[in-house]
Each structure stands twice: as C-alpha cells, then as structure tokens.
Protein backbone atom coordinates (compact mmCIF):
# COMPACT_ATOMS: atom_id res chain seq x y z
CA UNK A 1 -152.73 157.10 106.22
CA UNK A 2 -153.03 159.85 103.65
CA UNK A 3 -155.39 157.82 101.76
CA UNK A 4 -157.29 157.21 105.08
CA UNK A 5 -157.46 161.15 104.93
CA UNK A 6 -158.56 161.19 101.72
CA UNK A 7 -161.31 158.97 102.03
CA UNK A 8 -162.69 160.69 105.25
CA UNK A 9 -162.50 164.06 102.92
CA UNK A 10 -164.39 162.35 100.27
CA UNK A 11 -166.91 161.02 102.76
CA UNK A 12 -167.35 164.48 104.34
CA UNK A 13 -167.97 166.23 101.08
CA UNK A 14 -170.40 163.40 99.89
CA UNK A 15 -172.52 164.12 103.28
CA UNK A 16 -172.30 167.77 102.62
CA UNK A 17 -173.58 167.56 99.00
CA UNK A 18 -176.35 164.98 100.16
CA UNK A 19 -177.72 167.75 102.67
CA UNK A 20 -177.45 170.42 100.24
CA UNK A 21 -179.86 168.28 97.73
CA UNK A 22 -181.89 167.04 100.47
CA UNK A 23 -182.29 171.17 101.27
CA UNK A 24 -183.42 171.52 97.73
CA UNK A 25 -186.07 169.19 98.32
CA UNK A 26 -184.45 165.87 96.68
CA UNK A 27 -183.94 163.26 99.18
CA UNK A 28 -181.12 161.07 98.78
CA UNK A 29 -180.31 157.46 100.78
CA UNK A 30 -176.63 157.29 102.27
CA UNK A 31 -175.15 154.27 102.99
CA UNK A 32 -174.30 153.83 106.80
CA UNK A 33 -171.12 154.77 107.65
CA UNK A 34 -168.98 152.27 109.85
CA UNK A 35 -166.38 152.88 112.13
CA UNK A 36 -162.60 152.38 110.78
CA UNK A 37 -161.51 148.97 111.12
CA UNK A 38 -157.97 148.21 111.55
CA UNK A 39 -156.45 146.39 108.51
CA UNK A 40 -155.09 143.44 110.88
CA UNK A 41 -158.96 142.57 111.68
CA UNK A 42 -159.74 142.83 107.74
CA UNK A 43 -156.86 141.25 105.90
CA UNK A 44 -154.69 138.17 106.90
CA UNK A 45 -151.45 140.03 107.61
CA UNK A 46 -148.60 137.42 108.83
CA UNK A 47 -147.09 138.52 112.08
CA UNK A 48 -143.94 136.96 111.18
CA UNK A 49 -142.33 136.42 107.99
CA UNK A 50 -141.71 132.13 107.88
CA UNK A 51 -141.25 131.32 104.39
CA UNK A 52 -140.04 134.21 102.51
CA UNK A 53 -140.60 133.99 98.75
CA UNK A 54 -138.08 135.00 96.23
CA UNK A 55 -140.40 135.97 93.28
CA UNK A 56 -137.70 135.04 90.44
CA UNK A 57 -136.67 132.03 91.77
CA UNK A 58 -140.11 130.95 92.17
CA UNK A 59 -141.14 131.62 88.65
CA UNK A 60 -138.14 129.54 87.17
CA UNK A 61 -139.20 126.81 89.66
CA UNK A 62 -142.64 126.71 88.34
CA UNK A 63 -142.18 127.63 84.49
CA UNK A 64 -144.76 125.18 83.59
CA UNK A 65 -147.30 126.44 85.57
CA UNK A 66 -150.67 127.19 83.11
CA UNK A 67 -151.21 130.13 85.03
CA UNK A 68 -148.15 132.12 83.75
CA UNK A 69 -148.88 131.21 80.57
CA UNK A 70 -149.69 134.60 78.17
CA UNK A 71 -151.71 134.15 75.21
CA UNK A 72 -151.14 136.21 71.94
CA UNK A 73 -153.67 138.38 71.25
CA UNK A 74 -152.64 138.47 67.50
CA UNK A 75 -153.13 134.91 66.69
C-alpha cells in the first residue's frame, strides 16, 4: 500500500503544480483522474492455487524451449 500512497502523493503534487502554472497564465490539460480500482478487477489473480509451478523443474523439463535460448552478443 505504500506505493499507492506514493502515487496519490505524486498526483496531488502534479495537480498543485498545474494550478500554480495555470495561475501564472499558462494553461495545462490534466488527464482525468479515475477512482482506484482493486487489483482483482484489473488483473487475473487466481483465487486458489491449483497447479503450482516449480520453476527449476519446469526449466529442466523444457530445456529445449527456444524461448530459453540466450544469444551471445559477442559473436
């Protein structure tokens, strides 16, 4: 929650700076602020763990997967 507090602080600072700039005669367009949305509605978060993934085991079983190949930058 600390990060969300930081976001709220930054947004309030941006609004304050925009108000000061506007008072000085320069008009800025602010993006509309939407209410906070719980992460569960924004992201797919499993409600239970049905198939846990052991990363080391998966990497061993899928060692031929092209996505795991690292290309050397030197050659």
